[in-house]
Amino acid sequence: MIEVKPGVGAPTMGGVINAVLLDIDDTLVDTRGAFRHALMEVAAEYLDAGADPELVLAHWRDDRGGWYRAHTRGELTHREQRMRRANDLHAAFGGPSMDDAAYDVWDEGFERHFRAGWLAFDDAAELLDELDARGVPYGAVSNADSAYQVLKLSSVGLQRVPMLVGVDTFGVGKPDPRVFLEGCRLLAVEPGVTAYVGDEPDIDAGGARDAGLTGVWLDRPGTRRAGHHEAAEGTLRIESLADLTALMG
């Protein structure tokens, strides 16, 4: 399913997309599932007995303190944002407050379980096969550190995806237009013929639109985060990566 959100500058469909930039987390890789796996281990060790797994996962992903987005704006380090999110989680579900030393132990276990849960979505390799067959250039633009995302892509069998731009490239991440434009530059393509696909309607699809790309919100059924209710104006909404090829005619 492909939907166009009405608005000035809404993209047209059919034969206009000659290159694709891809988000990684919850677009190519089921990061939501990996977080769930890690958080269930954390809950068993640190949180009150009987904590609802889905509420724990939703609390983590919603990040109501905005710590991860502060990280992508260059205001916090990765460690700082994750420690704050961990303590927020503990405060909400009966876990102890952690100082630096306690957090180091927590994070070692969390990261180990998180990595054990990394899996590619079934439609990811299928999309890449189709893009390869068509000769369409593609690459990844992410709000995580580049080396970390290279490891993640390799771990799930998607190492053919070039990691082009991470939060470490400019010290900030999406929706800053520089990250999208740098991805286009590295692919040697123009923004106007490039689609960017990600799971967040504002920073992914909306940010790409503002940078002159075709912004595509991947709205997988049953996986929306709090506050993600509709596509941004002038962007597209799809429910599967399999829908993307229809944009290229």
Protein backbone atom coordinates (compact mmCIF):
# COMPACT_ATOMS: atom_id res chain seq x y z
CA MET A 1 0.00 0.00 0.00
CA ILE A 2 1.28 3.46 -0.93
CA GLU A 3 -0.38 6.63 0.25
CA VAL A 4 0.48 10.23 -0.55
CA LYS A 5 -0.14 12.84 2.15
CA PRO A 6 -1.67 15.84 0.33
CA GLY A 7 0.27 19.05 0.46
CA VAL A 8 2.33 21.50 -1.51
CA GLY A 9 5.19 19.72 -3.22
CA ALA A 10 3.76 16.24 -2.70
CA PRO A 11 5.89 13.79 -4.69
CA THR A 12 4.63 12.23 -7.86
CA MET A 13 4.87 8.51 -8.54
CA GLY A 14 6.18 6.46 -11.41
CA GLY A 15 9.68 6.58 -12.86
CA VAL A 16 11.01 9.48 -10.77
CA ILE A 17 13.08 7.58 -8.21
CA ASN A 18 16.55 6.64 -9.42
CA ALA A 19 18.29 6.08 -6.06
CA VAL A 20 17.31 5.00 -2.56
CA LEU A 21 18.64 5.96 0.84
CA LEU A 22 17.59 3.74 3.73
CA ASP A 23 17.22 4.06 7.46
CA ILE A 24 18.47 0.98 9.33
CA ASP A 25 16.71 0.62 12.67
CA ASP A 26 13.14 -0.62 12.28
CA THR A 27 13.48 -0.23 8.52
CA LEU A 28 16.05 -2.87 7.51
CA VAL A 29 16.65 -4.34 10.97
CA ASP A 30 13.96 -5.27 13.51
CA THR A 31 15.41 -3.11 16.25
CA ARG A 32 12.08 -3.04 18.07
CA GLY A 33 12.30 -6.80 18.46
CA ALA A 34 15.91 -6.59 19.60
CA PHE A 35 15.00 -3.99 22.22
CA ARG A 36 12.19 -6.20 23.41
CA HIS A 37 14.60 -9.11 23.80
CA ALA A 38 17.09 -7.00 25.77
CA LEU A 39 14.47 -5.30 27.91
CA MET A 40 12.91 -8.59 28.99
CA GLU A 41 16.30 -9.63 30.32
CA VAL A 42 16.66 -6.28 32.08
CA ALA A 43 13.15 -6.58 33.53
CA ALA A 44 13.87 -10.01 34.97
CA GLU A 45 17.00 -8.76 36.72
CA TYR A 46 16.19 -5.17 37.70
CA LEU A 47 12.50 -4.29 37.52
CA ASP A 48 9.49 -5.08 39.68
CA ALA A 49 8.07 -8.55 39.20
CA GLY A 50 5.09 -8.57 36.89
CA ALA A 51 6.10 -5.53 34.81
CA ASP A 52 4.13 -5.69 31.56
CA PRO A 53 6.63 -6.46 28.77
CA GLU A 54 4.74 -4.39 26.21
CA LEU A 55 4.57 -1.37 28.52
CA VAL A 56 8.30 -1.67 29.25
CA LEU A 57 9.04 -1.79 25.52
CA ALA A 58 6.72 1.12 24.74
CA HIS A 59 8.29 3.23 27.50
CA TRP A 60 11.77 2.63 26.10
CA ARG A 61 10.85 3.31 22.49
CA ASP A 62 8.74 6.37 23.27
CA ASP A 63 11.70 7.98 25.11
CA ARG A 64 9.45 10.62 26.64
CA GLY A 65 12.41 12.53 27.99
CA GLY A 66 13.65 13.04 24.44
CA TRP A 67 17.14 11.83 25.36
CA TYR A 68 17.89 10.03 22.09
CA ARG A 69 16.82 12.97 19.99
CA ALA A 70 18.99 15.20 22.16
CA HIS A 71 21.85 12.87 21.26
CA THR A 72 21.10 13.24 17.55
CA ARG A 73 21.17 17.02 17.97
CA GLY A 74 24.67 16.74 19.39
CA GLU A 75 23.60 17.64 22.94
CA LEU A 76 24.34 14.30 24.66
CA THR A 77 26.78 11.45 24.08
CA HIS A 78 25.42 8.00 23.33
CA ARG A 79 26.31 6.89 26.85
CA GLU A 80 24.60 9.89 28.43
CA GLN A 81 21.36 9.39 26.55
CA ARG A 82 21.20 5.66 27.21
CA MET A 83 21.98 6.04 30.92
CA ARG A 84 19.20 8.62 31.27
CA ARG A 85 16.77 6.36 29.44
CA ALA A 86 17.78 3.43 31.64
CA ASN A 87 17.18 5.39 34.83
CA ASP A 88 13.87 6.69 33.46
CA LEU A 89 12.85 3.09 32.80
CA HIS A 90 13.82 2.02 36.30
CA ALA A 91 11.93 4.92 37.84
CA ALA A 92 8.80 3.93 35.92
CA PHE A 93 8.94 0.20 36.67
CA GLY A 94 10.49 -0.11 40.11
CA GLY A 95 14.17 -0.51 39.32
CA PRO A 96 17.02 1.02 41.33
CA SER A 97 18.58 4.35 40.45
CA MET A 98 22.01 3.77 38.88
CA ASP A 99 25.25 5.70 39.25
CA ASP A 100 28.01 5.41 36.64
CA ALA A 101 29.43 2.15 37.99
CA ALA A 102 26.04 0.45 38.27
CA TYR A 103 25.09 1.65 34.81
CA ASP A 104 28.26 0.15 33.30
CA VAL A 105 27.18 -3.28 34.55
CA TRP A 106 23.61 -2.73 33.34
CA ASP A 107 24.72 -1.58 29.90
CA GLU A 108 27.08 -4.51 29.38
CA GLY A 109 24.21 -6.93 29.84
CA PHE A 110 21.72 -4.82 27.91
CA GLU A 111 24.03 -4.46 24.92
CA ARG A 112 24.84 -8.18 24.87
CA HIS A 113 21.17 -9.12 24.83
CA PHE A 114 20.36 -6.34 22.35
CA ARG A 115 22.90 -7.62 19.84
CA ALA A 116 21.67 -11.17 20.29
CA GLY A 117 18.25 -9.97 19.15
CA TRP A 118 19.35 -8.30 15.90
CA LEU A 119 17.47 -9.69 12.89
CA ALA A 120 16.81 -8.35 9.40
CA PHE A 121 13.23 -7.95 8.24
CA ASP A 122 12.21 -10.51 5.65
CA ASP A 123 11.48 -7.82 3.06
CA ALA A 124 14.90 -6.16 3.42
CA ALA A 125 16.93 -8.62 1.34
CA GLU A 126 14.08 -8.84 -1.17
CA LEU A 127 14.18 -5.08 -1.68
CA LEU A 128 17.95 -5.08 -2.08
CA ASP A 129 17.72 -7.90 -4.63
CA GLU A 130 15.22 -5.84 -6.62
CA LEU A 131 17.34 -2.70 -6.45
CA ASP A 132 20.42 -4.65 -7.50
CA ALA A 133 18.54 -6.17 -10.41
CA ARG A 134 17.42 -2.72 -11.55
CA GLY A 135 20.84 -1.18 -11.07
CA VAL A 136 19.46 1.35 -8.57
CA PRO A 137 22.14 2.71 -6.21
CA TYR A 138 21.37 2.60 -2.49
CA GLY A 139 22.96 3.20 0.88
CA ALA A 140 22.17 3.76 4.54
CA VAL A 141 21.77 7.04 6.44
CA SER A 142 21.29 6.53 10.17
CA ASN A 143 21.13 8.40 13.45
CA ALA A 144 23.50 5.92 15.07
CA ASP A 145 27.29 5.73 14.94
CA SER A 146 28.58 4.53 11.56
CA ALA A 147 30.87 1.76 12.84
CA TYR A 148 28.10 0.40 15.07
CA GLN A 149 25.69 0.29 12.15
CA VAL A 150 28.25 -1.42 9.91
CA LEU A 151 28.52 -4.12 12.58
CA LYS A 152 24.73 -4.40 12.79
CA LEU A 153 24.27 -4.71 9.04
CA SER A 154 26.99 -7.34 8.83
CA SER A 155 25.51 -9.28 11.76
CA VAL A 156 22.13 -9.63 10.05
CA GLY A 157 23.50 -10.46 6.59
CA LEU A 158 22.96 -7.05 4.99
CA GLN A 159 26.60 -6.09 4.62
CA ARG A 160 26.03 -5.18 0.96
CA VAL A 161 24.29 -1.98 2.16
CA PRO A 162 26.91 0.79 2.21
CA MET A 163 26.80 2.75 5.46
CA LEU A 164 27.08 6.30 4.13
CA VAL A 165 26.19 8.74 6.93
CA GLY A 166 25.90 8.31 10.70
CA VAL A 167 25.42 10.65 13.62
CA ASP A 168 29.21 10.84 13.86
CA THR A 169 29.56 12.32 10.35
CA PHE A 170 28.46 15.84 11.32
CA GLY A 171 27.90 15.40 15.04
CA VAL A 172 24.14 15.61 14.46
CA GLY A 173 21.58 13.35 12.83
CA LYS A 174 18.28 13.50 11.01
CA PRO A 175 16.30 15.64 10.37
CA ASP A 176 19.29 17.93 9.71
CA PRO A 177 19.29 18.27 5.90
CA ARG A 178 23.05 17.80 5.71
CA VAL A 179 22.82 14.10 6.46
CA PHE A 180 20.40 13.44 3.60
CA LEU A 181 22.35 15.59 1.16
CA GLU A 182 25.62 13.93 2.12
CA GLY A 183 24.04 10.55 1.42
CA CYS A 184 23.07 11.78 -2.04
CA ARG A 185 26.53 13.19 -2.63
CA LEU A 186 28.18 9.91 -1.72
CA LEU A 187 25.87 8.02 -4.06
CA ALA A 188 26.57 10.64 -6.76
CA VAL A 189 22.84 11.29 -7.28
CA GLU A 190 20.59 14.34 -7.14
CA PRO A 191 18.20 14.71 -4.18
CA GLY A 192 15.24 15.22 -6.51
CA VAL A 193 15.48 11.68 -7.89
CA THR A 194 16.27 10.02 -4.54
CA ALA A 195 13.89 8.45 -2.04
CA TYR A 196 14.65 8.21 1.66
CA VAL A 197 12.81 5.45 3.54
CA GLY A 198 12.50 5.33 7.33
CA ASP A 199 10.11 4.34 10.09
CA GLU A 200 9.54 7.83 11.54
CA PRO A 201 7.20 10.18 9.67
CA ASP A 202 8.77 13.37 10.99
CA ILE A 203 12.54 12.98 11.18
CA ASP A 204 12.78 10.43 8.36
CA ALA A 205 10.14 11.20 5.74
CA GLY A 206 9.61 14.82 6.75
CA GLY A 207 13.32 15.52 7.10
CA ALA A 208 14.05 14.00 3.71
CA ARG A 209 11.28 16.04 2.10
CA ASP A 210 12.72 19.23 3.56
CA ALA A 211 16.11 18.34 2.09
CA GLY A 212 14.61 17.95 -1.38
CA LEU A 213 14.27 14.15 -1.46
CA THR A 214 11.14 12.05 -1.72
CA GLY A 215 10.34 11.23 1.90
CA VAL A 216 8.84 7.79 2.49
CA TRP A 217 7.40 6.71 5.84
CA LEU A 218 7.60 2.95 6.37
CA ASP A 219 4.58 2.37 8.62
CA ARG A 220 4.74 -1.36 9.32
CA PRO A 221 1.41 -2.55 10.77
CA GLY A 222 1.47 -2.88 14.54
CA THR A 223 4.81 -1.14 15.10
CA ARG A 224 3.99 2.58 15.38
CA ARG A 225 5.54 4.60 18.17
CA ALA A 226 3.48 6.97 20.28
CA GLY A 227 2.68 10.15 18.39
CA HIS A 228 3.18 8.66 14.92
CA HIS A 229 -0.36 8.89 13.62
CA GLU A 230 -0.10 10.23 10.09
CA ALA A 231 2.34 11.00 7.34
CA ALA A 232 3.87 14.45 7.04
CA GLU A 233 2.58 16.63 4.21
CA GLY A 234 4.31 16.05 0.92
CA THR A 235 5.54 12.57 1.85
CA LEU A 236 4.58 9.01 1.03
CA ARG A 237 3.46 6.22 3.35
CA ILE A 238 4.09 2.53 2.69
CA GLU A 239 3.47 -0.54 4.83
CA SER A 240 6.26 -2.76 3.49
CA LEU A 241 9.57 -2.37 1.72
CA ALA A 242 7.98 -4.39 -1.07
CA ASP A 243 5.80 -1.34 -1.80
CA LEU A 244 8.83 0.80 -2.56
CA THR A 245 9.50 -0.53 -6.04
CA ALA A 246 6.15 0.84 -7.23
CA LEU A 247 7.61 4.33 -6.78
CA MET A 248 10.22 3.59 -9.42
CA GLY A 249 7.77 2.49 -12.10
